[in-house]
Every structure is written in C-alpha cells, then in structure tokens.
Protein backbone atom coordinates (compact mmCIF):
# COMPACT_ATOMS: atom_id res chain seq x y z
CA ILE A 1 102.48 60.25 51.95
CA SER A 2 104.64 63.18 50.94
CA THR A 3 108.05 63.12 49.36
CA LEU A 4 110.86 65.58 49.88
CA HIS A 5 113.58 65.87 47.29
CA ALA A 6 117.05 66.76 48.45
CA GLN A 7 118.45 70.02 47.22
CA GLN A 8 121.23 69.55 44.73
CA TRP A 9 124.31 71.59 43.92
CA VAL A 10 124.80 72.36 40.23
CA GLN A 11 128.13 73.74 39.04
CA MET A 12 127.79 76.93 37.03
CA ASN A 13 130.40 78.68 34.90
CA ASP A 14 133.56 79.54 36.80
CA LEU A 15 134.63 83.08 37.53
CA PRO A 16 137.35 83.94 34.96
CA SER A 17 139.85 84.73 37.73
CA PRO A 18 140.14 82.55 40.89
CA ARG A 19 139.63 84.53 44.07
CA HIS A 20 140.06 84.30 47.86
CA HIS A 21 138.22 86.64 50.26
CA PRO A 22 136.30 88.73 47.70
CA VAL A 23 133.26 90.86 48.49
CA THR A 24 130.08 89.44 46.96
CA PHE A 25 126.54 90.80 46.74
CA SER A 26 123.43 90.58 44.59
CA LEU A 27 121.41 93.43 43.07
CA ASP A 28 118.38 93.20 40.77
CA GLY A 29 118.79 89.47 40.18
CA LEU A 30 122.48 89.70 39.26
CA GLY A 31 125.48 88.56 41.29
CA TYR A 32 128.62 90.66 41.80
CA MET A 33 132.17 89.88 42.91
CA VAL A 34 134.76 92.56 43.65
CA THR A 35 138.33 92.60 45.03
CA GLY A 36 139.90 89.65 46.89
CA THR A 37 143.24 87.87 46.67
CA ASN A 38 144.25 86.26 43.36
CA THR A 39 146.33 83.13 42.71
CA PHE A 40 149.55 85.19 43.02
CA ASN A 41 148.52 86.11 46.60
CA ALA A 42 148.04 89.73 45.53
CA PRO A 43 145.06 91.95 46.43
CA THR A 44 142.89 92.93 43.46
CA ASP A 45 140.54 95.70 42.33
CA ASP A 46 138.71 93.91 39.53
CA PHE A 47 134.93 93.68 39.43
CA TYR A 48 132.63 91.06 37.85
CA GLN A 49 128.91 90.64 37.31
CA TYR A 50 127.19 87.25 37.08
CA ASP A 51 123.98 86.75 35.07
CA PRO A 52 122.21 83.56 36.26
CA PHE A 53 119.89 83.48 33.22
CA PHE A 54 122.82 83.18 30.80
CA ASP A 55 125.18 81.57 33.35
CA SER A 56 127.80 84.10 32.31
CA TRP A 57 130.33 86.44 33.90
CA THR A 58 131.06 89.96 32.60
CA GLN A 59 134.08 91.96 33.71
CA LEU A 60 133.07 95.48 34.72
CA PRO A 61 135.34 98.52 35.14
CA ASP A 62 137.73 98.06 38.07
CA PHE A 63 136.77 99.13 41.57
CA PRO A 64 138.19 102.69 41.86
CA GLY A 65 139.46 102.27 45.42
CA SER A 66 142.73 100.61 46.36
CA ALA A 67 143.23 96.94 45.52
CA ARG A 68 142.42 94.85 48.58
CA SER A 69 141.35 91.60 50.12
CA PHE A 70 139.57 90.72 53.39
CA SER A 71 137.10 93.54 52.76
CA ILE A 72 133.40 93.28 53.56
CA GLY A 73 130.10 94.52 52.22
CA ALA A 74 126.33 94.18 52.04
CA GLU A 75 123.34 95.32 49.97
CA TYR A 76 120.77 97.89 51.12
CA GLU A 77 117.87 99.38 49.17
CA GLY A 78 119.26 98.46 45.77
CA LYS A 79 122.86 99.56 46.36
CA ALA A 80 125.96 97.73 47.59
CA TYR A 81 128.17 99.09 50.36
CA MET A 82 131.70 97.84 50.98
CA GLY A 83 134.93 98.86 52.61
CA PHE A 84 137.79 98.11 54.98
CA GLY A 85 140.16 95.22 54.16
CA ALA A 86 143.89 94.91 53.51
CA GLY A 87 146.20 95.87 50.67
CA SER A 88 149.71 94.44 50.28
CA ALA A 89 151.08 96.44 53.24
CA ILE A 90 148.18 98.61 54.47
CA LEU A 91 144.79 98.25 56.16
CA TYR A 92 141.77 100.37 55.17
CA SER A 93 138.88 102.10 56.96
CA ASP A 94 137.20 103.55 53.87
CA LEU A 95 133.60 103.01 52.76
CA TRP A 96 132.17 102.85 49.22
CA VAL A 97 128.74 102.48 47.62
CA TYR A 98 127.95 100.92 44.21
CA ASP A 99 124.86 102.03 42.31
CA PRO A 100 123.87 99.48 39.62
CA ILE A 101 121.74 102.06 37.77
CA SER A 102 124.61 104.51 37.17
CA GLN A 103 127.16 101.65 37.34
CA GLN A 104 129.35 103.89 39.49
CA TRP A 105 131.25 103.51 42.76
CA THR A 106 131.22 106.53 45.10
CA GLU A 107 133.53 106.95 48.08
CA LEU A 108 131.70 107.84 51.30
CA ALA A 109 132.98 109.22 54.62
CA THR A 110 135.93 107.23 55.99
CA CYS A 111 135.40 105.58 59.37
CA PRO A 112 137.26 107.49 62.12
CA CYS A 113 138.31 104.14 63.54
CA GLN A 114 141.34 101.92 63.24
CA PRO A 115 141.73 100.42 59.77
CA ARG A 116 140.95 96.69 59.79
CA ARG A 117 140.20 93.48 57.96
CA HIS A 118 137.60 90.80 58.77
CA PRO A 119 135.16 93.09 60.64
CA ALA A 120 131.47 92.60 61.30
CA PHE A 121 129.45 94.71 58.82
CA VAL A 122 125.65 94.82 59.14
CA ILE A 123 123.15 97.19 57.52
CA GLU A 124 119.92 97.77 59.43
CA ASN A 125 117.35 100.57 59.10
CA GLY A 126 119.54 102.95 57.10
CA LYS A 127 122.64 102.45 59.22
CA ILE A 128 125.82 100.40 58.78
CA TYR A 129 127.22 98.86 61.96
CA ILE A 130 130.87 97.85 61.85
CA GLY A 131 133.20 96.59 64.50
CA LEU A 132 135.61 93.91 65.60
CA GLY A 133 138.13 92.68 63.02
CA ASP A 134 141.89 92.75 63.27
CA GLY A 135 144.07 95.82 62.92
CA ASP A 136 147.77 96.62 62.89
CA PHE A 137 148.12 95.76 66.58
CA GLY A 138 145.79 92.78 66.92
CA ASN A 139 142.11 92.04 67.35
CA LEU A 140 139.59 94.81 67.91
CA GLY A 141 136.44 95.04 70.02
CA ASP A 142 135.16 98.50 69.06
CA TRP A 143 131.85 99.39 67.35
CA HIS A 144 130.87 102.24 65.06
CA VAL A 145 127.72 103.19 63.17
CA TYR A 146 127.49 104.94 59.80
CA ASP A 147 124.30 106.85 58.94
CA ILE A 148 123.64 106.45 55.21
CA ALA A 149 121.40 109.53 54.95
CA SER A 150 123.85 111.95 56.60
CA ASP A 151 127.16 110.30 55.51
CA THR A 152 128.42 110.44 59.11
CA TRP A 153 130.01 108.06 61.62
CA GLN A 154 129.50 107.73 65.37
CA ALA A 155 131.42 105.62 67.90
CA LEU A 156 129.38 103.13 69.94
CA PRO A 157 130.25 101.21 73.13
CA ASN A 158 132.71 98.35 72.61
CA LEU A 159 131.56 94.75 72.41
CA PRO A 160 131.66 93.52 76.04
CA GLY A 161 133.15 90.19 74.89
CA ASP A 162 136.72 89.56 73.81
CA PRO A 163 138.13 91.37 70.74
CA ARG A 164 138.14 89.11 67.66
CA HIS A 165 137.99 88.89 63.90
CA HIS A 166 135.99 86.78 61.41
CA PRO A 167 132.77 87.09 63.45
CA TYR A 168 129.34 86.11 62.24
CA MET A 169 126.87 88.94 61.76
CA PHE A 170 123.26 89.55 60.81
CA ALA A 171 120.30 91.81 61.51
CA ALA A 172 116.93 90.44 62.63
CA GLY A 173 113.91 92.05 64.25
CA GLY A 174 115.54 95.49 64.34
CA SER A 175 118.63 94.30 66.22
CA VAL A 176 122.20 93.60 65.11
CA TYR A 177 123.82 90.31 66.15
CA THR A 178 127.48 89.30 66.19
CA GLY A 179 129.70 86.72 67.85
CA LEU A 180 131.82 83.65 67.18
CA GLY A 181 135.05 84.46 65.31
CA HIS A 182 138.56 83.89 66.57
CA ALA A 183 141.59 85.51 68.19
CA GLY A 184 144.76 83.54 67.52
CA PRO A 185 144.14 79.94 68.62
CA ILE A 186 140.93 80.84 70.49
CA ILE A 187 137.71 80.11 68.59
CA TYR A 188 134.59 81.64 70.19
CA SER A 189 131.11 80.16 70.58
CA ASP A 190 129.36 83.23 72.03
C-alpha cells in the first residue's frame, strides 16, 4: 500500500505593493516581479526580488524602461528578457534583458512590428518568438523572431488561425506552441 499526500498551498509574505499583470521570472533560486498595474490602475516601473529562504521581498532599482502593464517575459540562460505591454496611453514593442550578475537592465533592438500587449513570448534555442496580442487597431496574428546572439529581428509567416490576444505559449521538443486566447467575446480552444 502506498500513500500520496496532497500538495498544499502555503501563504508566504505578500509583495509590498499589490499588482495586476506584472512580469515574473526566476533566476538563481530567486523570484522577480517587475512592472504591472497598481491599485490606482496606473502602470508601474518598480522591480522586486523575492528570496524564498528568508521569505522576504527586496525592492530593487526601478526598471529603466517606460512604466507599463500587460508586458511579457521569460528566462533564458541565466538572464530575463521582457518587453511589449501598455503604458497609460501607449503600446510598446521594445525588448529588454536583465542580468542578475551585474543587476542591470539593457535595452535590445526594438521589434519592427506593431506595438502590442498580451502577446505570445517564447524563448527556444537562442531565439525569442513573439506574436499575436492586441494592438491599437485590434487583435494581431503576426509572428516575429529575435536572435539573441545577433540582436536582430525577422518577420515570420502569420499564425494561420484567427488573430487573438492572451494566448498560451510554450516550447517543447524544439518547437514553439501557441493557441487558445480570445478576441472580444470569442474564446479559442485551438
């Protein structure tokens, strides 16, 4: 006879500033939270680090890019990449990298695509694939790839499905996957 114990949620210390739609990532056993919308419905540029050993949050120097929410990011080879999103009255198509060793953000080449929020953002084999999301004129179905080594962008064929935002995304087995999401009242299952 074997026994399985259910996993349990344990509440840890709260972030000092409530947040909606931040970018989160982990590097070297530490958690990070940057940007997002605060309780006054304003985009932010503040940056926090979480230490699970001490169950404590530390405020780091602010993100040097524009305050934003609905941005997106991911970790690759010990660095965090993030970009896009929305300010109070503007959408972004910029890209940034955070190096935890130097504790510095560096702006990379801006995507030559429409600015957007809620895109897919997947890092696979030294490349960042972004697409979909919603822009100034509605949902998008385009795709672009950023090469980390050369700091360059290239347009790819559009997603053959409907344009949308808030898609799921992941890389597995050398391929990039995306789907689901929504466009107005339509919620996708593809």
